[in-house]
Protein backbone atom coordinates (compact mmCIF):
# COMPACT_ATOMS: atom_id res chain seq x y z
CA UNK A 1 -56.59 69.50 82.55
CA UNK A 2 -58.37 68.06 79.47
CA UNK A 3 -57.69 70.09 76.35
CA UNK A 4 -53.94 70.91 77.78
CA UNK A 5 -51.58 70.64 75.23
CA UNK A 6 -48.80 69.01 77.37
CA UNK A 7 -48.06 66.83 80.48
CA UNK A 8 -47.81 68.98 83.75
CA UNK A 9 -44.80 67.62 85.77
CA UNK A 10 -44.01 68.50 88.97
CA UNK A 11 -40.83 67.24 90.80
CA UNK A 12 -42.00 67.90 94.77
CA UNK A 13 -39.23 68.57 97.18
CA UNK A 14 -40.19 65.67 100.28
CA UNK A 15 -40.18 68.17 103.28
CA UNK A 16 -41.37 71.04 101.51
CA UNK A 17 -44.84 70.26 100.30
CA UNK A 18 -46.71 67.22 100.83
CA UNK A 19 -49.23 66.10 98.37
CA UNK A 20 -52.17 66.12 100.66
CA UNK A 21 -53.63 64.91 103.66
CA UNK A 22 -52.08 62.24 106.65
CA UNK A 23 -51.59 58.65 105.73
CA UNK A 24 -52.40 57.38 109.17
CA UNK A 25 -55.98 56.09 108.40
CA UNK A 26 -55.16 55.06 104.90
CA UNK A 27 -56.31 51.11 104.15
CA UNK A 28 -53.49 50.26 101.68
CA UNK A 29 -50.61 52.28 100.44
CA UNK A 30 -52.67 54.72 98.45
CA UNK A 31 -55.85 55.59 99.66
CA UNK A 32 -57.67 58.02 97.50
CA UNK A 33 -58.57 60.73 100.33
CA UNK A 34 -54.87 60.44 101.87
CA UNK A 35 -51.77 60.82 99.89
CA UNK A 36 -48.65 59.69 101.63
CA UNK A 37 -46.35 62.57 103.28
CA UNK A 38 -42.92 63.20 103.94
CA UNK A 39 -43.73 62.52 107.84
CA UNK A 40 -44.65 58.84 107.53
CA UNK A 41 -41.54 57.94 105.62
CA UNK A 42 -42.75 58.97 102.15
CA UNK A 43 -40.97 60.96 99.68
CA UNK A 44 -42.76 62.96 96.74
CA UNK A 45 -40.53 62.28 93.78
CA UNK A 46 -42.92 63.40 91.01
CA UNK A 47 -46.55 64.34 89.69
CA UNK A 48 -47.51 64.18 86.50
CA UNK A 49 -50.97 65.24 85.02
CA UNK A 50 -52.04 65.13 81.45
CA UNK A 51 -55.41 63.67 79.59
CA UNK A 52 -55.67 60.21 79.24
CA UNK A 53 -54.69 60.47 75.41
CA UNK A 54 -51.88 58.19 73.81
CA UNK A 55 -49.95 61.32 72.40
CA UNK A 56 -48.78 61.41 76.08
CA UNK A 57 -48.36 58.14 76.92
CA UNK A 58 -44.03 57.93 75.97
CA UNK A 59 -43.65 61.07 77.90
CA UNK A 60 -45.48 59.75 80.87
CA UNK A 61 -43.31 56.38 80.76
CA UNK A 62 -40.14 58.26 79.90
CA UNK A 63 -40.61 60.72 83.17
CA UNK A 64 -41.65 57.80 85.52
CA UNK A 65 -38.29 55.97 84.37
CA UNK A 66 -36.18 58.80 84.92
CA UNK A 67 -38.00 60.03 88.32
CA UNK A 68 -37.50 56.10 89.47
CA UNK A 69 -33.60 56.57 88.83
CA UNK A 70 -33.17 59.79 90.62
CA UNK A 71 -35.09 57.94 93.49
CA UNK A 72 -32.65 55.29 94.16
CA UNK A 73 -34.14 52.73 91.51
CA UNK A 74 -31.53 50.41 89.58
CA UNK A 75 -31.79 50.41 85.93
CA UNK A 76 -33.91 47.28 86.02
CA UNK A 77 -36.39 48.51 88.76
CA UNK A 78 -36.86 52.10 86.93
CA UNK A 79 -37.49 49.83 83.74
CA UNK A 80 -40.22 47.57 85.28
CA UNK A 81 -41.66 51.43 87.07
CA UNK A 82 -41.61 52.59 83.47
CA UNK A 83 -43.31 49.00 82.03
CA UNK A 84 -45.96 49.11 84.55
CA UNK A 85 -46.60 53.05 84.79
CA UNK A 86 -46.93 52.82 80.94
CA UNK A 87 -49.49 49.84 81.01
CA UNK A 88 -51.56 51.51 83.67
CA UNK A 89 -52.02 54.70 81.36
CA UNK A 90 -52.79 52.45 78.60
CA UNK A 91 -55.21 51.18 80.33
CA UNK A 92 -56.45 54.88 81.37
CA UNK A 93 -56.56 55.58 77.67
CA UNK A 94 -58.27 52.50 76.51
CA UNK A 95 -60.63 52.52 79.53
CA UNK A 96 -61.10 56.08 80.51
CA UNK A 97 -60.28 58.04 77.21
CA UNK A 98 -60.71 62.09 77.35
CA UNK A 99 -60.60 61.88 81.28
CA UNK A 100 -57.76 63.44 83.50
CA UNK A 101 -54.88 61.16 84.77
CA UNK A 102 -52.56 61.58 87.78
CA UNK A 103 -49.38 59.72 87.84
CA UNK A 104 -47.46 60.22 91.06
CA UNK A 105 -44.36 58.22 92.21
CA UNK A 106 -43.24 58.04 95.58
CA UNK A 107 -40.43 56.83 97.70
CA UNK A 108 -40.88 54.62 101.12
CA UNK A 109 -37.75 55.47 103.19
CA UNK A 110 -38.76 52.81 105.78
CA UNK A 111 -39.32 49.86 103.23
CA UNK A 112 -37.02 51.10 100.79
CA UNK A 113 -39.21 50.92 97.73
CA UNK A 114 -41.11 52.97 95.19
CA UNK A 115 -44.99 53.40 95.12
CA UNK A 116 -46.53 54.31 92.34
CA UNK A 117 -50.26 55.67 91.74
CA UNK A 118 -52.25 56.30 88.54
CA UNK A 119 -55.63 58.33 89.29
CA UNK A 120 -58.09 58.54 86.39
CA UNK A 121 -61.67 60.34 86.80
CA UNK A 122 -63.39 57.64 84.49
CA UNK A 123 -65.89 55.52 85.41
CA UNK A 124 -65.05 52.20 84.28
CA UNK A 125 -64.19 49.76 87.23
CA UNK A 126 -60.62 47.78 87.67
CA UNK A 127 -60.08 44.75 89.09
CA UNK A 128 -56.63 43.55 89.82
CA UNK A 129 -56.48 40.11 89.56
CA UNK A 130 -55.38 37.93 92.53
CA UNK A 131 -52.81 35.81 90.31
CA UNK A 132 -50.37 36.49 87.32
CA UNK A 133 -52.25 34.51 85.09
CA UNK A 134 -51.58 36.02 81.28
CA UNK A 135 -54.33 35.93 78.68
CA UNK A 136 -54.26 33.34 76.12
CA UNK A 137 -51.08 33.15 73.56
CA UNK A 138 -52.85 34.81 70.97
CA UNK A 139 -54.66 37.38 72.91
CA UNK A 140 -53.72 41.38 71.77
CA UNK A 141 -54.48 42.48 75.09
CA UNK A 142 -54.93 41.82 78.56
CA UNK A 143 -51.14 41.47 79.71
CA UNK A 144 -51.28 44.52 81.70
CA UNK A 145 -52.65 43.89 85.14
CA UNK A 146 -51.24 40.51 85.23
CA UNK A 147 -47.96 41.88 84.47
CA UNK A 148 -48.49 44.25 87.44
CA UNK A 149 -49.54 41.17 89.78
CA UNK A 150 -45.95 39.20 88.81
CA UNK A 151 -43.63 42.19 88.70
CA UNK A 152 -44.97 44.37 91.57
CA UNK A 153 -44.28 43.56 95.58
CA UNK A 154 -48.13 44.89 96.31
CA UNK A 155 -50.58 46.30 93.99
CA UNK A 156 -54.51 47.21 93.80
CA UNK A 157 -56.94 49.65 93.08
CA UNK A 158 -59.22 51.70 94.75
CA UNK A 159 -62.72 53.48 93.10
CA UNK A 160 -63.22 56.69 94.86
CA UNK A 161 -65.86 59.82 93.96
CA UNK A 162 -65.59 59.83 90.41
CA UNK A 163 -62.62 57.89 89.16
CA UNK A 164 -59.89 55.04 90.59
CA UNK A 165 -56.60 54.87 91.36
CA UNK A 166 -54.43 51.95 90.38
CA UNK A 167 -51.23 51.42 92.70
CA UNK A 168 -48.11 49.35 92.79
CA UNK A 169 -45.29 48.91 94.97
CA UNK A 170 -41.63 47.90 93.89
CA UNK A 171 -39.28 46.74 96.35
CA UNK A 172 -35.58 48.16 95.39
CA UNK A 173 -34.18 45.89 97.88
């Protein structure tokens, strides 16, 4: 993936191409070794893979917003998906440059929610704060993870092998 000139986008038909292993043993919505499948009520919507460079940021944000809308999110929810995905992708660019990033969006039919995961192959650690405490007003950075905590119904970070997954769930009800 590193060195590709374009982001690879893949629309996944829910019943035809599950994105990995069974989710039954997962400890959170996005266990790094088990991806949701249509059989558990999850519908894969989109997966985007590219290098962690700023040149792809707008495309990743726009693709996830469009996919969220197609998955049933209203305009406000789709904008929130765009914002939060953009913040997580920006963190990859800043803290894990020149690594590979995979952004995936799933619709959970059982809970009427959207779940987004952003995986990278960088070695930097991520700690999602317990509270949505924003940095001081004059700070130029540090808003992304508190925004994630404030706007998402649930969120977290999971280290795995070489890399990590940061995920969030947005309630559509």
